[in-house]
Protein backbone atom coordinates (compact mmCIF):
# COMPACT_ATOMS: atom_id res chain seq x y z
CA UNK A 1 -0.03 0.09 -0.06
CA UNK A 2 1.23 3.31 -0.78
CA UNK A 3 -0.26 5.02 2.22
CA UNK A 4 2.28 7.92 2.33
CA UNK A 5 1.36 8.90 -1.14
CA UNK A 6 4.74 9.23 -2.66
CA UNK A 7 3.93 6.73 -5.48
CA UNK A 8 6.42 4.25 -3.99
CA UNK A 9 5.06 0.64 -3.61
CA UNK A 10 8.10 -1.24 -3.11
CA UNK A 11 7.95 -0.85 0.63
CA UNK A 12 5.14 -3.01 1.57
CA UNK A 13 3.92 -2.90 5.29
CA UNK A 14 3.00 -6.36 6.67
CA UNK A 15 0.18 -4.56 8.53
CA UNK A 16 -2.64 -2.25 7.82
CA UNK A 17 -3.12 1.33 9.43
CA UNK A 18 -6.29 2.27 10.75
CA UNK A 19 -6.96 5.22 8.60
CA UNK A 20 -6.47 2.85 5.50
CA UNK A 21 -8.90 0.32 7.16
CA UNK A 22 -11.64 2.90 8.14
CA UNK A 23 -11.72 4.67 4.58
CA UNK A 24 -11.98 1.05 2.90
CA UNK A 25 -14.95 0.19 5.22
CA UNK A 26 -16.64 3.21 4.63
CA UNK A 27 -16.11 2.97 0.88
CA UNK A 28 -17.97 -0.48 0.76
CA UNK A 29 -20.42 0.66 3.33
CA UNK A 30 -21.36 3.54 0.81
CA UNK A 31 -21.96 0.77 -1.96
CA UNK A 32 -24.50 -1.05 0.40
CA UNK A 33 -26.07 2.18 1.73
CA UNK A 34 -25.33 5.30 -0.28
CA UNK A 35 -27.87 7.59 1.09
CA UNK A 36 -25.90 8.49 4.38
CA UNK A 37 -22.51 8.05 2.88
CA UNK A 38 -21.31 11.61 3.32
CA UNK A 39 -22.50 11.62 6.92
CA UNK A 40 -20.74 8.37 7.79
CA UNK A 41 -17.40 9.38 6.20
CA UNK A 42 -17.30 12.76 8.20
CA UNK A 43 -18.07 11.01 11.30
CA UNK A 44 -17.92 7.35 11.34
CA UNK A 45 -19.95 5.39 13.82
CA UNK A 46 -17.18 3.25 14.88
CA UNK A 47 -13.59 3.33 15.72
CA UNK A 48 -10.86 0.53 14.53
CA UNK A 49 -7.21 0.04 15.59
CA UNK A 50 -4.81 -0.69 13.08
CA UNK A 51 -4.52 -4.25 11.79
CA UNK A 52 -1.87 -6.39 13.64
CA UNK A 53 -0.38 -9.91 13.09
CA UNK A 54 -1.75 -12.98 14.49
CA UNK A 55 -1.02 -16.72 14.45
CA UNK A 56 -3.88 -19.13 15.75
CA UNK A 57 -4.50 -18.04 19.45
CA UNK A 58 -1.46 -15.77 19.61
CA UNK A 59 -1.87 -12.23 19.00
CA UNK A 60 0.76 -9.28 18.82
CA UNK A 61 0.60 -5.79 19.59
CA UNK A 62 2.74 -2.73 18.53
CA UNK A 63 5.51 -2.01 20.97
CA UNK A 64 4.91 0.89 23.19
CA UNK A 65 7.16 3.60 21.96
CA UNK A 66 8.37 4.49 25.62
CA UNK A 67 10.09 1.02 25.69
CA UNK A 68 12.13 1.50 22.68
CA UNK A 69 14.94 3.45 24.55
CA UNK A 70 16.51 0.71 26.31
CA UNK A 71 18.65 0.74 29.50
CA UNK A 72 20.36 -2.54 29.40
CA UNK A 73 23.06 -3.55 32.04
CA UNK A 74 26.59 -4.05 30.83
CA UNK A 75 26.33 -7.55 30.79
CA UNK A 76 23.57 -7.62 28.18
CA UNK A 77 24.81 -4.78 25.89
CA UNK A 78 25.49 -7.45 23.18
CA UNK A 79 21.80 -8.00 23.06
CA UNK A 80 20.70 -4.40 22.43
CA UNK A 81 20.69 -4.40 18.60
CA UNK A 82 18.35 -7.42 18.72
CA UNK A 83 15.96 -6.16 21.39
CA UNK A 84 15.76 -2.51 19.52
CA UNK A 85 14.43 -4.15 16.26
CA UNK A 86 11.48 -5.69 18.03
CA UNK A 87 8.26 -4.22 16.82
CA UNK A 88 5.57 -6.49 17.99
CA UNK A 89 4.88 -8.01 21.46
CA UNK A 90 2.45 -10.48 22.66
CA UNK A 91 0.04 -9.15 25.33
CA UNK A 92 1.75 -10.55 28.39
CA UNK A 93 4.97 -8.76 27.27
CA UNK A 94 3.12 -5.56 26.04
CA UNK A 95 1.62 -5.17 29.49
CA UNK A 96 5.03 -5.34 31.06
CA UNK A 97 6.68 -2.76 28.66
CA UNK A 98 3.67 -0.67 28.94
CA UNK A 99 3.78 -0.51 32.85
CA UNK A 100 7.55 -0.14 32.82
CA UNK A 101 7.69 2.30 30.18
CA UNK A 102 11.22 3.71 29.51
CA UNK A 103 12.69 1.67 32.50
CA UNK A 104 11.51 -1.65 30.76
CA UNK A 105 14.21 -4.27 30.44
CA UNK A 106 13.03 -7.11 28.27
CA UNK A 107 13.69 -10.70 29.45
CA UNK A 108 17.00 -12.29 28.36
CA UNK A 109 16.67 -13.79 25.11
CA UNK A 110 18.62 -16.95 26.37
CA UNK A 111 18.65 -18.66 29.52
CA UNK A 112 16.29 -20.00 31.99
CA UNK A 113 12.21 -19.77 31.88
CA UNK A 114 12.27 -16.22 31.82
CA UNK A 115 13.59 -16.19 28.32
CA UNK A 116 11.83 -14.68 25.31
CA UNK A 117 12.05 -15.87 21.67
CA UNK A 118 12.36 -13.48 18.93
CA UNK A 119 10.85 -14.51 15.27
CA UNK A 120 11.60 -12.71 12.01
CA UNK A 121 13.83 -10.08 14.03
CA UNK A 122 10.49 -8.11 14.99
CA UNK A 123 8.27 -10.44 16.91
CA UNK A 124 8.95 -11.33 20.56
CA UNK A 125 6.92 -13.66 22.71
CA UNK A 126 7.67 -16.01 25.73
CA UNK A 127 9.61 -19.17 25.05
CA UNK A 128 6.68 -21.49 25.91
CA UNK A 129 4.46 -19.85 23.34
CA UNK A 130 7.00 -20.14 20.51
CA UNK A 131 7.23 -23.99 20.60
CA UNK A 132 4.81 -24.49 17.77
CA UNK A 133 5.21 -21.03 16.16
CA UNK A 134 6.41 -20.97 12.29
CA UNK A 135 9.74 -19.42 11.70
CA UNK A 136 7.95 -16.86 9.78
CA UNK A 137 4.43 -15.49 10.06
CA UNK A 138 4.75 -13.74 6.78
CA UNK A 139 6.85 -13.47 3.78
CA UNK A 140 7.49 -10.57 1.50
CA UNK A 141 8.37 -10.57 -2.25
CA UNK A 142 8.91 -8.20 -5.03
CA UNK A 143 7.32 -8.38 -8.57
CA UNK A 144 8.33 -6.21 -11.42
CA UNK A 145 5.58 -4.09 -12.84
CA UNK A 146 5.23 -1.45 -15.72
CA UNK A 147 4.02 1.96 -14.44
CA UNK A 148 0.68 3.13 -15.74
CA UNK A 149 -0.12 6.87 -16.36
CA UNK A 150 -2.91 7.71 -13.94
CA UNK A 151 -5.00 9.86 -16.22
CA UNK A 152 -4.93 7.72 -19.44
CA UNK A 153 -4.44 4.35 -17.90
CA UNK A 154 -1.71 3.67 -20.66
CA UNK A 155 1.64 1.97 -19.74
CA UNK A 156 4.65 4.19 -19.42
CA UNK A 157 7.32 3.02 -21.71
CA UNK A 158 10.51 2.05 -19.77
CA UNK A 159 9.10 2.88 -16.44
CA UNK A 160 9.47 -0.32 -14.56
CA UNK A 161 9.20 -0.66 -10.90
CA UNK A 162 8.82 -3.31 -8.10
CA UNK A 163 5.77 -3.97 -6.61
CA UNK A 164 5.79 -5.60 -3.00
CA UNK A 165 3.44 -8.26 -1.75
CA UNK A 166 2.94 -9.85 1.41
CA UNK A 167 1.98 -13.47 2.14
CA UNK A 168 0.61 -14.60 5.45
CA UNK A 169 0.91 -18.23 6.93
CA UNK A 170 -2.27 -20.41 6.51
CA UNK A 171 -3.49 -20.08 10.15
CA UNK A 172 -2.24 -16.43 10.62
CA UNK A 173 -2.94 -12.92 9.35
CA UNK A 174 -4.17 -9.76 10.54
CA UNK A 175 -6.76 -8.64 13.13
CA UNK A 176 -8.14 -5.46 14.55
CA UNK A 177 -10.40 -4.09 17.38
CA UNK A 178 -13.45 -2.34 16.98
CA UNK A 179 -15.61 -0.02 19.05
CA UNK A 180 -18.99 0.95 18.50
CA UNK A 181 -20.75 4.08 20.39
CA UNK A 182 -24.04 2.51 19.12
CA UNK A 183 -24.04 -1.10 19.01
CA UNK A 184 -27.03 -0.81 16.35
CA UNK A 185 -24.34 -0.19 13.80
CA UNK A 186 -22.34 -3.51 14.24
CA UNK A 187 -24.59 -5.61 11.81
CA UNK A 188 -23.87 -2.99 8.88
CA UNK A 189 -20.40 -2.68 9.73
CA UNK A 190 -19.77 -6.38 9.50
CA UNK A 191 -21.66 -6.40 6.24
CA UNK A 192 -19.28 -3.71 5.02
CA UNK A 193 -16.34 -5.70 6.23
CA UNK A 194 -17.63 -8.95 4.55
CA UNK A 195 -17.92 -6.96 1.06
CA UNK A 196 -14.49 -5.61 1.65
CA UNK A 197 -13.26 -9.14 1.97
CA UNK A 198 -14.90 -10.04 -1.24
CA UNK A 199 -13.44 -6.86 -3.21
CA UNK A 200 -10.21 -6.77 -1.79
CA UNK A 201 -8.03 -4.13 0.16
CA UNK A 202 -5.01 -2.50 -0.85
CA UNK A 203 -3.34 -1.25 -4.01
CA UNK A 204 -3.11 -4.56 -5.83
CA UNK A 205 -6.92 -5.66 -5.69
CA UNK A 206 -7.15 -5.85 -9.77
CA UNK A 207 -4.08 -8.53 -9.84
CA UNK A 208 -5.99 -10.78 -7.20
CA UNK A 209 -4.31 -9.19 -4.05
CA UNK A 210 -5.95 -8.33 -0.85
CA UNK A 211 -9.03 -10.48 -0.65
CA UNK A 212 -9.73 -12.03 2.95
CA UNK A 213 -12.38 -13.94 4.88
CA UNK A 214 -12.82 -12.77 8.67
CA UNK A 215 -14.36 -13.93 11.98
CA UNK A 216 -15.20 -12.46 15.25
CA UNK A 217 -12.83 -13.72 18.02
CA UNK A 218 -12.37 -12.70 21.62
CA UNK A 219 -10.12 -9.62 21.99
CA UNK A 220 -6.83 -9.97 23.95
CA UNK A 221 -7.15 -8.89 27.63
CA UNK A 222 -5.58 -5.26 27.95
CA UNK A 223 -5.52 -2.71 30.64
CA UNK A 224 -8.88 -1.01 31.07
CA UNK A 225 -8.98 2.79 29.61
CA UNK A 226 -9.46 5.78 31.89
CA UNK A 227 -10.59 9.19 30.77
CA UNK A 228 -7.87 10.87 32.81
CA UNK A 229 -5.20 8.33 32.95
CA UNK A 230 -2.27 7.44 30.73
CA UNK A 231 -3.36 5.93 27.39
CA UNK A 232 -1.52 4.09 24.33
CA UNK A 233 -2.58 4.43 21.01
CA UNK A 234 -3.46 1.19 18.89
CA UNK A 235 -4.42 3.52 15.95
CA UNK A 236 -3.00 6.45 14.07
CA UNK A 237 -4.11 9.66 15.68
CA UNK A 238 -4.49 13.19 14.32
CA UNK A 239 -5.31 15.38 17.65
CA UNK A 240 -8.57 17.40 17.69
CA UNK A 241 -8.29 20.95 18.87
CA UNK A 242 -9.97 20.18 22.22
CA UNK A 243 -6.92 17.54 22.66
CA UNK A 244 -4.29 20.24 22.60
CA UNK A 245 -4.73 21.77 26.01
CA UNK A 246 -2.02 23.25 28.14
CA UNK A 247 1.05 20.56 28.56
CA UNK A 248 -0.87 18.02 26.68
CA UNK A 249 2.40 16.54 25.35
CA UNK A 250 4.10 16.74 28.66
CA UNK A 251 5.77 13.45 29.30
CA UNK A 252 4.30 12.01 26.15
CA UNK A 253 6.32 9.39 24.14
CA UNK A 254 5.33 9.36 20.40
CA UNK A 255 6.49 8.71 16.95
CA UNK A 256 4.85 10.81 13.96
CA UNK A 257 4.21 9.37 10.27
CA UNK A 258 3.11 11.40 7.15
CA UNK A 259 -0.14 10.19 5.50
CA UNK A 260 -0.97 10.96 2.04
CA UNK A 261 -2.35 8.86 -0.99
CA UNK A 262 -4.29 9.32 -4.04
CA UNK A 263 -8.03 9.87 -4.60
CA UNK A 264 -9.44 6.78 -6.21
CA UNK A 265 -10.01 7.22 -9.97
CA UNK A 266 -9.17 10.83 -10.02
CA UNK A 267 -5.44 11.06 -10.38
CA UNK A 268 -5.50 13.66 -7.48
CA UNK A 269 -3.36 13.41 -4.39
CA UNK A 270 -4.97 13.80 -0.97
CA UNK A 271 -3.69 16.53 1.19
CA UNK A 272 -0.95 15.02 3.58
CA UNK A 273 -1.64 14.70 7.11
CA UNK A 274 1.01 14.01 10.28
CA UNK A 275 -0.19 11.52 12.90
CA UNK A 276 0.90 10.06 15.82
CA UNK A 277 1.77 6.26 15.21
CA UNK A 278 0.63 3.14 17.10
CA UNK A 279 2.25 2.65 20.50
CA UNK A 280 2.42 6.25 21.42
CA UNK A 281 1.57 7.12 24.77
CA UNK A 282 -0.02 10.35 26.37
CA UNK A 283 -1.09 11.47 29.85
CA UNK A 284 -4.76 10.84 28.71
CA UNK A 285 -6.46 9.43 25.56
CA UNK A 286 -6.91 11.76 22.98
CA UNK A 287 -10.09 11.97 21.10
CA UNK A 288 -8.56 12.70 17.40
CA UNK A 289 -10.64 13.88 14.61
CA UNK A 290 -11.61 12.95 10.98
CA UNK A 291 -9.62 15.41 8.68
CA UNK A 292 -10.88 16.68 5.34
CA UNK A 293 -7.87 16.10 2.78
CA UNK A 294 -9.78 17.15 -0.12
CA UNK A 295 -7.01 19.15 -2.35
CA UNK A 296 -7.38 22.75 -2.96
CA UNK A 297 -7.56 22.65 -6.79
CA UNK A 298 -10.14 25.24 -8.32
CA UNK A 299 -9.42 24.36 -11.81
CA UNK A 300 -9.81 20.53 -11.15
CA UNK A 301 -12.06 20.09 -8.27
CA UNK A 302 -12.53 16.55 -6.52
CA UNK A 303 -15.71 15.19 -7.39
CA UNK A 304 -16.64 14.55 -3.54
CA UNK A 305 -15.04 15.53 -0.16
CA UNK A 306 -12.36 13.11 0.90
CA UNK A 307 -11.50 12.81 4.58
CA UNK A 308 -9.01 10.77 6.66
CA UNK A 309 -9.83 9.07 9.86
CA UNK A 310 -7.56 10.52 12.77
CA UNK A 311 -9.45 9.35 15.54
CA UNK A 312 -7.89 7.59 18.39
CA UNK A 313 -8.37 4.08 19.45
CA UNK A 314 -6.66 3.89 23.09
CA UNK A 315 -6.25 1.19 25.78
CA UNK A 316 -4.95 1.74 29.35
CA UNK A 317 -1.52 1.47 30.48
CA UNK A 318 -1.98 -0.34 33.70
CA UNK A 319 -0.76 0.24 37.29
CA UNK A 320 2.54 1.76 37.82
CA UNK A 321 4.59 1.70 40.87
């Protein structure tokens, strides 16, 4: 997926960001119920996390940003490079990292029962849970493609690029969390999700990519969310004006990402937006907002308003000593 909007498809991500998932769901929902499509796009009746990897009943969560700055003892300095690369943690390790924050020291990677296993260089889980886990939960490949001019849809001679694809293990894939302010919308949401699975998600749908089936499962047990307590994002977040109060970034730990992209079937770019990434922590949960990213092009206007979902999906941190 070219979520950054730079036309660079070779760097495929093995997971799907929340804004991409939300936009895809709203697009398919509009096919089922076009009458209220504009209202739903401006204020979706759901919130979703980004999509994270799983295999069977083992779910992974994005590593808290605060835990990346490791403070290892001198005896463990040789582990620093391997531990720094970890991106995904099981719920047990995630809770440890969230509570300990920047003082978290991951369990030793070799030794007694406390050891962890690292797979693919980025997945960390307790040793006992890794016994039957495949060596790789997904694989990536690059395929050569000929660039196509967006307006005429004709191939551009000599413009060859490589398109990245991601393949998941048979019993694995991606999962996400969803919240509904009104449970009455759940049935329509699930109908849109089923249609999305039939249509495909991502930039390679016309070539057979992005199709999926889904099922509802029990969510990982995570710390409850408090309106006034620290919270960690499981989605991308673009803060609303009311989020940006005095000292709202005090003690925050976060990363930022630029989000761009193209408006479907138009050849026009969306406005770019900066967002806080998954794993970012704040003193309290941010509401976030839906951003109008319709380009300002009076001579070539977009046929409709275009939005990007930057509302936050947060979970609690847990009790800190």
